[in-house]
Amino acid sequence: MDELLQQVASGLANGAIYALVALALVMIFVSTDHINFAQGEMAMFSTYLCWQLIQWGFSFWIALIVAAALSFLIGMTIERTILRPLRHASVLSIVVVFIGLLAIFHSMAGAIWSHTIKEFPSPFPKVSFAGSGYIGPHQIGMIAVTLILLSALFAFFRFTPLGLAMRAAAQNPISARLAGVRVDWMLALGWGLAAAIGAVAGVMVAPAVYLEPNMMAGILLYGFAGALVGGISSPGGAVAGGFIVGVLENLVAFIGNQIERHAGVYIIGNGEKLTVALIIVITVLTLKPSGLFGRITVRRV
């Protein structure tokens, strides 16, 4: 039972990061109908920015805030200068642009900071407390930061005029324009927020996986799986999906290890966690493309 509880707790910590990545993906999708395949590399680049600021003497939290702000500006700049001229381009053209951005951020990070694995400091103290056998301080910190950020975003989109304008621009651009909302700028702000959220995800996960240009490749896949499970058109569903995927991948590996221990037959283990995420993606796309909490949109033509 203790091992099971430990796996669930660890899955919740991982799911917190997947939830942030899934939310960033959904924010881009609901406003542009496209998946940003460069989201992981943008988050990785932002994590390097935070690491560099820490090396220059900034405290962790100040470095995170500055890195998130820089990421916000980078996201807005990408939308205004690269994607805005392509708003009437074909889907294939947009996909190629996203893949190009992925390669650019990956190459820039390697060229500036090298491909050497770097240790990233954790801001949370290594203290012992009740229940620490199930989950560590950094994992609890990741969950806490994620919940605080998600609560702040919920309040922003629900209760502020700017947040309501961004929601309106994403859901019905034509009506939003008629109501006086500057839809183009709302889309740019959405890109900026998605980049900032990705920066927080990257910084939170870096102490666990170490800092290097490929650090977000697998996490992007898990985040994508979480977004699909919850609903690629539902921000709240994507967050729930991220936690579901985090717990589910750990439980599947745990059950596989238990089968091997008692029956001597290897079926699945920790090395196949990415395979679990891929199976989740394929299953959801096949059985329920709208996700557990998403809605099917019907458009008149």
C-alpha atoms as a PDB file:
ATOM      1  CA  MET A   1       0.000   0.000   0.000  1.00  0.00           C
ATOM      2  CA  ASP A   2       2.862   2.393   0.812  1.00  0.00           C
ATOM      3  CA  GLU A   3       4.359   1.862  -2.639  1.00  0.00           C
ATOM      4  CA  LEU A   4       0.988   2.510  -4.260  1.00  0.00           C
ATOM      5  CA  LEU A   5       0.533   5.758  -2.333  1.00  0.00           C
ATOM      6  CA  GLN A   6       4.030   6.822  -3.293  1.00  0.00           C
ATOM      7  CA  GLN A   7       3.301   6.225  -6.969  1.00  0.00           C
ATOM      8  CA  VAL A   8       0.044   8.192  -6.777  1.00  0.00           C
ATOM      9  CA  ALA A   9       1.776  11.094  -5.011  1.00  0.00           C
ATOM     10  CA  SER A  10       4.598  11.096  -7.549  1.00  0.00           C
ATOM     11  CA  GLY A  11       2.036  10.933 -10.354  1.00  0.00           C
ATOM     12  CA  LEU A  12       0.247  13.999  -8.987  1.00  0.00           C
ATOM     13  CA  ALA A  13       3.550  15.906  -8.916  1.00  0.00           C
ATOM     14  CA  ASN A  14       4.323  14.932 -12.512  1.00  0.00           C
ATOM     15  CA  GLY A  15       0.731  15.629 -13.467  1.00  0.00           C
ATOM     16  CA  ALA A  16       1.091  19.198 -12.185  1.00  0.00           C
ATOM     17  CA  ILE A  17       3.748  19.852 -14.829  1.00  0.00           C
ATOM     18  CA  TYR A  18       1.771  18.054 -17.519  1.00  0.00           C
ATOM     19  CA  ALA A  19      -1.243  20.189 -16.567  1.00  0.00           C
ATOM     20  CA  LEU A  20       0.732  23.398 -17.144  1.00  0.00           C
ATOM     21  CA  VAL A  21       2.013  22.214 -20.521  1.00  0.00           C
ATOM     22  CA  ALA A  22      -1.468  21.017 -21.501  1.00  0.00           C
ATOM     23  CA  LEU A  23      -2.953  24.374 -20.521  1.00  0.00           C
ATOM     24  CA  ALA A  24      -0.374  26.218 -22.641  1.00  0.00           C
ATOM     25  CA  LEU A  25      -1.200  23.989 -25.614  1.00  0.00           C
ATOM     26  CA  VAL A  26      -4.940  24.529 -25.159  1.00  0.00           C
ATOM     27  CA  MET A  27      -4.568  28.309 -24.898  1.00  0.00           C
ATOM     28  CA  ILE A  28      -2.942  28.348 -28.334  1.00  0.00           C
ATOM     29  CA  PHE A  29      -5.405  25.853 -29.797  1.00  0.00           C
ATOM     30  CA  VAL A  30      -8.630  27.581 -28.721  1.00  0.00           C
ATOM     31  CA  SER A  31      -7.471  30.868 -30.246  1.00  0.00           C
ATOM     32  CA  THR A  32      -5.838  29.596 -33.457  1.00  0.00           C
ATOM     33  CA  ASP A  33      -7.120  26.011 -33.974  1.00  0.00           C
ATOM     34  CA  HIS A  34      -3.496  24.869 -34.179  1.00  0.00           C
ATOM     35  CA  ILE A  35      -1.215  22.855 -31.888  1.00  0.00           C
ATOM     36  CA  ASN A  36       2.066  24.585 -31.078  1.00  0.00           C
ATOM     37  CA  PHE A  37       4.613  21.800 -31.538  1.00  0.00           C
ATOM     38  CA  ALA A  38       7.358  24.197 -30.398  1.00  0.00           C
ATOM     39  CA  GLN A  39       5.773  24.702 -26.955  1.00  0.00           C
ATOM     40  CA  GLY A  40       8.216  22.334 -25.262  1.00  0.00           C
ATOM     41  CA  GLU A  41      11.291  23.910 -26.837  1.00  0.00           C
ATOM     42  CA  MET A  42      10.057  27.391 -25.941  1.00  0.00           C
ATOM     43  CA  ALA A  43       9.675  26.246 -22.327  1.00  0.00           C
ATOM     44  CA  MET A  44      13.167  24.735 -22.413  1.00  0.00           C
ATOM     45  CA  PHE A  45      14.642  27.985 -23.758  1.00  0.00           C
ATOM     46  CA  SER A  46      12.864  29.941 -21.007  1.00  0.00           C
ATOM     47  CA  THR A  47      14.300  27.564 -18.411  1.00  0.00           C
ATOM     48  CA  TYR A  48      17.783  28.321 -19.712  1.00  0.00           C
ATOM     49  CA  LEU A  49      17.015  32.046 -19.365  1.00  0.00           C
ATOM     50  CA  CYS A  50      16.057  31.460 -15.723  1.00  0.00           C
ATOM     51  CA  TRP A  51      19.207  29.385 -15.134  1.00  0.00           C
ATOM     52  CA  GLN A  52      21.369  32.150 -16.637  1.00  0.00           C
ATOM     53  CA  LEU A  53      19.790  34.771 -14.409  1.00  0.00           C
ATOM     54  CA  ILE A  54      20.457  32.577 -11.372  1.00  0.00           C
ATOM     55  CA  GLN A  55      24.092  32.257 -12.459  1.00  0.00           C
ATOM     56  CA  TRP A  56      24.275  36.053 -12.614  1.00  0.00           C
ATOM     57  CA  GLY A  57      23.249  36.271  -8.972  1.00  0.00           C
ATOM     58  CA  PHE A  58      19.463  36.660  -9.103  1.00  0.00           C
ATOM     59  CA  SER A  59      17.417  34.775  -6.520  1.00  0.00           C
ATOM     60  CA  PHE A  60      15.378  31.856  -7.827  1.00  0.00           C
ATOM     61  CA  TRP A  61      11.965  33.519  -7.655  1.00  0.00           C
ATOM     62  CA  ILE A  62      13.139  36.818  -9.136  1.00  0.00           C
ATOM     63  CA  ALA A  63      14.840  34.894 -11.937  1.00  0.00           C
ATOM     64  CA  LEU A  64      11.634  32.939 -12.559  1.00  0.00           C
ATOM     65  CA  ILE A  65       9.529  36.104 -12.739  1.00  0.00           C
ATOM     66  CA  VAL A  66      11.975  37.780 -15.120  1.00  0.00           C
ATOM     67  CA  ALA A  67      12.239  34.643 -17.280  1.00  0.00           C
ATOM     68  CA  ALA A  68       8.443  34.335 -17.421  1.00  0.00           C
ATOM     69  CA  ALA A  69       8.173  38.017 -18.417  1.00  0.00           C
ATOM     70  CA  LEU A  70      10.792  37.560 -21.155  1.00  0.00           C
ATOM     71  CA  SER A  71       8.959  34.445 -22.337  1.00  0.00           C
ATOM     72  CA  PHE A  72       5.728  36.441 -22.461  1.00  0.00           C
ATOM     73  CA  LEU A  73       7.394  38.972 -24.752  1.00  0.00           C
ATOM     74  CA  ILE A  74       8.900  36.210 -26.895  1.00  0.00           C
ATOM     75  CA  GLY A  75       5.498  34.567 -27.303  1.00  0.00           C
ATOM     76  CA  MET A  76       3.840  37.845 -28.277  1.00  0.00           C
ATOM     77  CA  THR A  77       6.643  38.633 -30.732  1.00  0.00           C
ATOM     78  CA  ILE A  78       6.316  35.237 -32.414  1.00  0.00           C
ATOM     79  CA  GLU A  79       2.583  35.696 -32.868  1.00  0.00           C
ATOM     80  CA  ARG A  80       2.871  39.267 -34.167  1.00  0.00           C
ATOM     81  CA  THR A  81       5.829  38.820 -36.515  1.00  0.00           C
ATOM     82  CA  ILE A  82       5.686  35.196 -37.685  1.00  0.00           C
ATOM     83  CA  LEU A  83       2.175  33.821 -37.297  1.00  0.00           C
ATOM     84  CA  ARG A  84       0.116  36.946 -38.000  1.00  0.00           C
ATOM     85  CA  PRO A  85       1.178  37.090 -41.676  1.00  0.00           C
ATOM     86  CA  LEU A  86       0.276  33.386 -41.978  1.00  0.00           C
ATOM     87  CA  ARG A  87      -3.272  33.650 -40.593  1.00  0.00           C
ATOM     88  CA  HIS A  88      -4.724  32.712 -43.990  1.00  0.00           C
ATOM     89  CA  ALA A  89      -2.090  30.082 -44.803  1.00  0.00           C
ATOM     90  CA  SER A  90      -2.799  26.363 -45.066  1.00  0.00           C
ATOM     91  CA  VAL A  91      -2.633  24.053 -42.072  1.00  0.00           C
ATOM     92  CA  LEU A  92       0.460  22.364 -43.499  1.00  0.00           C
ATOM     93  CA  SER A  93       2.253  25.708 -43.714  1.00  0.00           C
ATOM     94  CA  ILE A  94       1.481  26.446 -40.066  1.00  0.00           C
ATOM     95  CA  VAL A  95       2.715  23.001 -39.011  1.00  0.00           C
ATOM     96  CA  VAL A  96       5.979  23.552 -40.894  1.00  0.00           C
ATOM     97  CA  VAL A  97       6.408  26.911 -39.137  1.00  0.00           C
ATOM     98  CA  PHE A  98       5.901  25.285 -35.729  1.00  0.00           C
ATOM     99  CA  ILE A  99       8.431  22.585 -36.554  1.00  0.00           C
ATOM    100  CA  GLY A 100      10.834  25.296 -37.708  1.00  0.00           C
ATOM    101  CA  LEU A 101      10.381  27.156 -34.418  1.00  0.00           C
ATOM    102  CA  LEU A 102      11.073  23.912 -32.547  1.00  0.00           C
ATOM    103  CA  ALA A 103      14.367  23.475 -34.403  1.00  0.00           C
ATOM    104  CA  ILE A 104      15.328  27.141 -33.957  1.00  0.00           C
ATOM    105  CA  PHE A 105      14.827  27.207 -30.184  1.00  0.00           C
ATOM    106  CA  HIS A 106      16.593  23.855 -29.802  1.00  0.00           C
ATOM    107  CA  SER A 107      19.571  24.996 -31.850  1.00  0.00           C
ATOM    108  CA  MET A 108      19.768  28.388 -30.152  1.00  0.00           C
ATOM    109  CA  ALA A 109      19.805  26.814 -26.687  1.00  0.00           C
ATOM    110  CA  GLY A 110      22.580  24.424 -27.694  1.00  0.00           C
ATOM    111  CA  ALA A 111      24.610  27.171 -29.370  1.00  0.00           C
ATOM    112  CA  ILE A 112      24.334  29.603 -26.446  1.00  0.00           C
ATOM    113  CA  TRP A 113      24.550  27.271 -23.450  1.00  0.00           C
ATOM    114  CA  SER A 114      25.960  24.060 -25.048  1.00  0.00           C
ATOM    115  CA  HIS A 115      24.404  20.599 -24.880  1.00  0.00           C
ATOM    116  CA  THR A 116      26.094  19.711 -21.598  1.00  0.00           C
ATOM    117  CA  ILE A 117      23.695  18.574 -18.871  1.00  0.00           C
ATOM    118  CA  LYS A 118      23.417  21.191 -16.124  1.00  0.00           C
ATOM    119  CA  GLU A 119      22.080  20.887 -12.599  1.00  0.00           C
ATOM    120  CA  PHE A 120      19.173  23.211 -11.873  1.00  0.00           C
ATOM    121  CA  PRO A 121      18.629  24.300  -8.247  1.00  0.00           C
ATOM    122  CA  SER A 122      15.370  23.629  -6.456  1.00  0.00           C
ATOM    123  CA  PRO A 123      13.866  26.574  -4.567  1.00  0.00           C
ATOM    124  CA  PHE A 124      12.227  24.344  -1.982  1.00  0.00           C
ATOM    125  CA  PRO A 125      14.148  23.380   1.171  1.00  0.00           C
ATOM    126  CA  LYS A 126      15.030  19.743   1.738  1.00  0.00           C
ATOM    127  CA  VAL A 127      13.223  19.231   5.020  1.00  0.00           C
ATOM    128  CA  SER A 128      11.701  16.145   6.606  1.00  0.00           C
ATOM    129  CA  PHE A 129       8.024  16.149   7.492  1.00  0.00           C
ATOM    130  CA  ALA A 130       5.169  13.746   8.052  1.00  0.00           C
ATOM    131  CA  GLY A 131       4.468  11.774   4.916  1.00  0.00           C
ATOM    132  CA  SER A 132       7.815  12.662   3.319  1.00  0.00           C
ATOM    133  CA  GLY A 133       8.258   8.999   2.483  1.00  0.00           C
ATOM    134  CA  TYR A 134       5.536   9.354  -0.135  1.00  0.00           C
ATOM    135  CA  ILE A 135       6.452  12.665  -1.743  1.00  0.00           C
ATOM    136  CA  GLY A 136       9.430  15.006  -1.548  1.00  0.00           C
ATOM    137  CA  PRO A 137       9.570  18.746  -0.856  1.00  0.00           C
ATOM    138  CA  HIS A 138      10.207  19.661  -4.499  1.00  0.00           C
ATOM    139  CA  GLN A 139       7.265  17.582  -5.663  1.00  0.00           C
ATOM    140  CA  ILE A 140       4.980  19.266  -3.145  1.00  0.00           C
ATOM    141  CA  GLY A 141       6.358  22.618  -4.269  1.00  0.00           C
ATOM    142  CA  MET A 142       5.591  21.804  -7.909  1.00  0.00           C
ATOM    143  CA  ILE A 143       2.003  20.954  -7.050  1.00  0.00           C
ATOM    144  CA  ALA A 144       1.622  24.114  -4.936  1.00  0.00           C
ATOM    145  CA  VAL A 145       3.062  26.404  -7.632  1.00  0.00           C
ATOM    146  CA  THR A 146       0.857  24.789 -10.250  1.00  0.00           C
ATOM    147  CA  LEU A 147      -2.306  25.189  -8.191  1.00  0.00           C
ATOM    148  CA  ILE A 148      -1.479  28.813  -7.357  1.00  0.00           C
ATOM    149  CA  LEU A 149      -0.822  29.629 -11.008  1.00  0.00           C
ATOM    150  CA  LEU A 150      -3.970  27.849 -12.184  1.00  0.00           C
ATOM    151  CA  SER A 151      -6.055  29.677  -9.556  1.00  0.00           C
ATOM    152  CA  ALA A 152      -4.596  33.014 -10.663  1.00  0.00           C
ATOM    153  CA  LEU A 153      -5.350  32.239 -14.314  1.00  0.00           C
ATOM    154  CA  PHE A 154      -8.906  31.196 -13.436  1.00  0.00           C
ATOM    155  CA  ALA A 155      -9.481  34.472 -11.596  1.00  0.00           C
ATOM    156  CA  PHE A 156      -7.910  36.430 -14.457  1.00  0.00           C
ATOM    157  CA  PHE A 157     -10.093  34.895 -17.170  1.00  0.00           C
ATOM    158  CA  ARG A 158     -13.244  34.885 -15.041  1.00  0.00           C
ATOM    159  CA  PHE A 159     -13.231  38.247 -13.289  1.00  0.00           C
ATOM    160  CA  THR A 160     -11.033  40.738 -15.185  1.00  0.00           C
ATOM    161  CA  PRO A 161     -12.122  42.736 -18.267  1.00  0.00           C
ATOM    162  CA  LEU A 162      -8.949  41.778 -20.141  1.00  0.00           C
ATOM    163  CA  GLY A 163      -9.433  38.098 -19.356  1.00  0.00           C
ATOM    164  CA  LEU A 164     -13.052  38.235 -20.507  1.00  0.00           C
ATOM    165  CA  ALA A 165     -11.965  39.990 -23.704  1.00  0.00           C
ATOM    166  CA  MET A 166      -9.395  37.258 -24.376  1.00  0.00           C
ATOM    167  CA  ARG A 167     -12.053  34.574 -23.859  1.00  0.00           C
ATOM    168  CA  ALA A 168     -14.427  36.355 -26.194  1.00  0.00           C
ATOM    169  CA  ALA A 169     -11.741  36.750 -28.859  1.00  0.00           C
ATOM    170  CA  ALA A 170     -10.938  33.027 -28.685  1.00  0.00           C
ATOM    171  CA  GLN A 171     -14.543  31.790 -28.699  1.00  0.00           C
ATOM    172  CA  ASN A 172     -16.128  34.148 -31.253  1.00  0.00           C
ATOM    173  CA  PRO A 173     -13.697  36.555 -32.962  1.00  0.00           C
ATOM    174  CA  ILE A 174     -16.343  38.129 -35.209  1.00  0.00           C
ATOM    175  CA  SER A 175     -18.719  39.015 -32.389  1.00  0.00           C
ATOM    176  CA  ALA A 176     -15.786  40.172 -30.260  1.00  0.00           C
ATOM    177  CA  ARG A 177     -14.681  42.585 -32.991  1.00  0.00           C
ATOM    178  CA  LEU A 178     -18.212  43.947 -33.246  1.00  0.00           C
ATOM    179  CA  ALA A 179     -18.136  44.547 -29.485  1.00  0.00           C
ATOM    180  CA  GLY A 180     -14.933  46.571 -29.809  1.00  0.00           C
ATOM    181  CA  VAL A 181     -12.427  43.922 -28.714  1.00  0.00           C
ATOM    182  CA  ARG A 182      -9.036  44.128 -30.427  1.00  0.00           C
ATOM    183  CA  VAL A 183      -8.953  40.463 -31.370  1.00  0.00           C
ATOM    184  CA  ASP A 184      -5.487  40.532 -32.929  1.00  0.00           C
ATOM    185  CA  TRP A 185      -3.923  41.819 -29.721  1.00  0.00           C
ATOM    186  CA  MET A 186      -5.916  39.343 -27.639  1.00  0.00           C
ATOM    187  CA  LEU A 187      -4.423  36.494 -29.666  1.00  0.00           C
ATOM    188  CA  ALA A 188      -0.940  37.920 -29.132  1.00  0.00           C
ATOM    189  CA  LEU A 189      -1.569  38.144 -25.391  1.00  0.00           C
ATOM    190  CA  GLY A 190      -2.738  34.512 -25.451  1.00  0.00           C
ATOM    191  CA  TRP A 191       0.537  33.477 -27.053  1.00  0.00           C
ATOM    192  CA  GLY A 192       2.440  35.458 -24.449  1.00  0.00           C
ATOM    193  CA  LEU A 193       0.575  33.834 -21.562  1.00  0.00           C
ATOM    194  CA  ALA A 194       1.101  30.360 -23.036  1.00  0.00           C
ATOM    195  CA  ALA A 195       4.843  31.023 -23.299  1.00  0.00           C
ATOM    196  CA  ALA A 196       4.976  32.293 -19.708  1.00  0.00           C
ATOM    197  CA  ILE A 197       3.069  29.242 -18.435  1.00  0.00           C
ATOM    198  CA  GLY A 198       5.483  27.000 -20.324  1.00  0.00           C
ATOM    199  CA  ALA A 199       8.395  28.816 -18.670  1.00  0.00           C
ATOM    200  CA  VAL A 200       7.006  28.029 -15.214  1.00  0.00           C
ATOM    201  CA  ALA A 201       6.544  24.377 -16.210  1.00  0.00           C
ATOM    202  CA  GLY A 202      10.107  24.115 -17.484  1.00  0.00           C
ATOM    203  CA  VAL A 203      11.624  25.745 -14.400  1.00  0.00           C
ATOM    204  CA  MET A 204       9.615  23.532 -12.057  1.00  0.00           C
ATOM    205  CA  VAL A 205      10.588  20.296 -13.800  1.00  0.00           C
ATOM    206  CA  ALA A 206      14.258  21.151 -14.458  1.00  0.00           C
ATOM    207  CA  PRO A 207      15.507  20.227 -10.939  1.00  0.00           C
ATOM    208  CA  ALA A 208      14.036  16.741 -11.433  1.00  0.00           C
ATOM    209  CA  VAL A 209      15.197  15.988 -14.994  1.00  0.00           C
ATOM    210  CA  TYR A 210      18.288  18.274 -15.203  1.00  0.00           C
ATOM    211  CA  LEU A 211      18.719  21.072 -17.714  1.00  0.00           C
ATOM    212  CA  GLU A 212      19.611  20.246 -21.313  1.00  0.00           C
ATOM    213  CA  PRO A 213      18.103  21.045 -24.750  1.00  0.00           C
ATOM    214  CA  ASN A 214      16.077  17.809 -24.923  1.00  0.00           C
ATOM    215  CA  MET A 215      14.566  18.091 -21.437  1.00  0.00           C
ATOM    216  CA  MET A 216      11.012  18.958 -22.565  1.00  0.00           C
ATOM    217  CA  ALA A 217      10.636  16.493 -25.446  1.00  0.00           C
ATOM    218  CA  GLY A 218       8.939  13.755 -23.440  1.00  0.00           C
ATOM    219  CA  ILE A 219       7.105  16.204 -21.191  1.00  0.00           C
ATOM    220  CA  LEU A 220       5.515  17.869 -24.227  1.00  0.00           C
ATOM    221  CA  LEU A 221       4.163  14.483 -25.259  1.00  0.00           C
ATOM    222  CA  TYR A 222       2.716  13.906 -21.793  1.00  0.00           C
ATOM    223  CA  GLY A 223       1.215  17.396 -21.829  1.00  0.00           C
ATOM    224  CA  PHE A 224      -0.294  16.743 -25.242  1.00  0.00           C
ATOM    225  CA  ALA A 225      -1.749  13.490 -23.948  1.00  0.00           C
ATOM    226  CA  GLY A 226      -3.206  15.348 -20.967  1.00  0.00           C
ATOM    227  CA  ALA A 227      -4.753  17.972 -23.228  1.00  0.00           C
ATOM    228  CA  LEU A 228      -6.363  15.276 -25.379  1.00  0.00           C
ATOM    229  CA  VAL A 229      -7.625  13.288 -22.408  1.00  0.00           C
ATOM    230  CA  GLY A 230      -9.222  16.318 -20.786  1.00  0.00           C
ATOM    231  CA  GLY A 231     -10.313  17.984 -23.993  1.00  0.00           C
ATOM    232  CA  ILE A 232      -8.136  20.025 -26.336  1.00  0.00           C
ATOM    233  CA  SER A 233     -10.816  22.747 -26.391  1.00  0.00           C
ATOM    234  CA  SER A 234     -11.301  22.844 -22.608  1.00  0.00           C
ATOM    235  CA  PRO A 235      -8.678  24.615 -20.436  1.00  0.00           C
ATOM    236  CA  GLY A 236     -10.085  23.124 -17.237  1.00  0.00           C
ATOM    237  CA  GLY A 237     -10.312  19.704 -18.851  1.00  0.00           C
ATOM    238  CA  ALA A 238      -6.700  19.929 -20.005  1.00  0.00           C
ATOM    239  CA  VAL A 239      -5.573  20.613 -16.437  1.00  0.00           C
ATOM    240  CA  ALA A 240      -7.552  17.627 -15.167  1.00  0.00           C
ATOM    241  CA  GLY A 241      -6.190  15.528 -18.029  1.00  0.00           C
ATOM    242  CA  GLY A 242      -2.622  16.413 -17.074  1.00  0.00           C
ATOM    243  CA  PHE A 243      -3.139  15.109 -13.549  1.00  0.00           C
ATOM    244  CA  ILE A 244      -4.919  12.007 -14.885  1.00  0.00           C
ATOM    245  CA  VAL A 245      -2.040  11.181 -17.233  1.00  0.00           C
ATOM    246  CA  GLY A 246       0.534  11.778 -14.475  1.00  0.00           C
ATOM    247  CA  VAL A 247      -1.154   9.357 -12.086  1.00  0.00           C
ATOM    248  CA  LEU A 248      -2.096   6.835 -14.772  1.00  0.00           C
ATOM    249  CA  GLU A 249       1.407   6.439 -16.201  1.00  0.00           C
ATOM    250  CA  ASN A 250       2.812   5.766 -12.718  1.00  0.00           C
ATOM    251  CA  LEU A 251       0.074   3.280 -11.867  1.00  0.00           C
ATOM    252  CA  VAL A 252       0.551   1.368 -15.121  1.00  0.00           C
ATOM    253  CA  ALA A 253       4.294   1.088 -14.504  1.00  0.00           C
ATOM    254  CA  PHE A 254       3.666   0.113 -10.878  1.00  0.00           C
ATOM    255  CA  ILE A 255       1.229  -2.643 -11.856  1.00  0.00           C
ATOM    256  CA  GLY A 256       3.697  -3.913 -14.455  1.00  0.00           C
ATOM    257  CA  ASN A 257       6.466  -4.059 -11.860  1.00  0.00           C
ATOM    258  CA  GLN A 258       4.209  -5.927  -9.453  1.00  0.00           C
ATOM    259  CA  ILE A 259       3.318  -8.496 -12.116  1.00  0.00           C
ATOM    260  CA  GLU A 260       6.993  -9.024 -12.876  1.00  0.00           C
ATOM    261  CA  ARG A 261       7.828  -9.357  -9.178  1.00  0.00           C
ATOM    262  CA  HIS A 262       5.153 -11.940  -8.423  1.00  0.00           C
ATOM    263  CA  ALA A 263       4.747 -13.794 -11.730  1.00  0.00           C
ATOM    264  CA  GLY A 264       8.205 -13.330 -13.225  1.00  0.00           C
ATOM    265  CA  VAL A 265       6.731 -12.024 -16.481  1.00  0.00           C
ATOM    266  CA  TYR A 266       7.811  -8.610 -17.749  1.00  0.00           C
ATOM    267  CA  ILE A 267       4.967  -6.748 -19.453  1.00  0.00           C
ATOM    268  CA  ILE A 268       5.551  -3.060 -18.875  1.00  0.00           C
ATOM    269  CA  GLY A 269       7.692  -0.960 -16.558  1.00  0.00           C
ATOM    270  CA  ASN A 270       9.195   2.471 -16.023  1.00  0.00           C
ATOM    271  CA  GLY A 271      10.962   2.353 -19.368  1.00  0.00           C
ATOM    272  CA  GLU A 272       7.671   2.277 -21.255  1.00  0.00           C
ATOM    273  CA  LYS A 273       6.046   5.346 -19.709  1.00  0.00           C
ATOM    274  CA  LEU A 274       6.289   7.255 -22.976  1.00  0.00           C
ATOM    275  CA  THR A 275       4.628   4.309 -24.678  1.00  0.00           C
ATOM    276  CA  VAL A 276       1.759   4.633 -22.202  1.00  0.00           C
ATOM    277  CA  ALA A 277       1.367   8.292 -23.161  1.00  0.00           C
ATOM    278  CA  LEU A 278       1.286   7.389 -26.850  1.00  0.00           C
ATOM    279  CA  ILE A 279      -1.310   4.688 -26.218  1.00  0.00           C
ATOM    280  CA  ILE A 280      -3.413   7.240 -24.321  1.00  0.00           C
ATOM    281  CA  VAL A 281      -3.192   9.684 -27.244  1.00  0.00           C
ATOM    282  CA  ILE A 282      -4.210   7.058 -29.812  1.00  0.00           C
ATOM    283  CA  THR A 283      -7.023   5.694 -27.638  1.00  0.00           C
ATOM    284  CA  VAL A 284      -8.554   9.094 -26.945  1.00  0.00           C
ATOM    285  CA  LEU A 285      -8.320  10.165 -30.584  1.00  0.00           C
ATOM    286  CA  THR A 286     -10.011   6.933 -31.605  1.00  0.00           C
ATOM    287  CA  LEU A 287     -12.775   6.649 -29.015  1.00  0.00           C
ATOM    288  CA  LYS A 288     -13.493  10.224 -27.909  1.00  0.00           C
ATOM    289  CA  PRO A 289     -11.671  12.880 -29.944  1.00  0.00           C
ATOM    290  CA  SER A 290     -13.273  15.701 -27.932  1.00  0.00           C
ATOM    291  CA  GLY A 291     -11.770  14.390 -24.659  1.00  0.00           C
ATOM    292  CA  LEU A 292     -13.420  13.664 -21.324  1.00  0.00           C
ATOM    293  CA  PHE A 293     -14.430  17.276 -20.681  1.00  0.00           C
ATOM    294  CA  GLY A 294     -14.345  18.773 -24.172  1.00  0.00           C
ATOM    295  CA  ARG A 295     -17.294  19.665 -26.325  1.00  0.00           C
ATOM    296  CA  ILE A 296     -17.935  18.754 -29.926  1.00  0.00           C
ATOM    297  CA  THR A 297     -18.266  21.924 -31.962  1.00  0.00           C
ATOM    298  CA  VAL A 298     -20.715  21.880 -34.857  1.00  0.00           C
ATOM    299  CA  ARG A 299     -20.365  24.635 -37.433  1.00  0.00           C
ATOM    300  CA  ARG A 300     -22.845  25.596 -40.109  1.00  0.00           C
ATOM    301  CA  VAL A 301     -21.467  25.939 -43.584  1.00  0.00           C
END
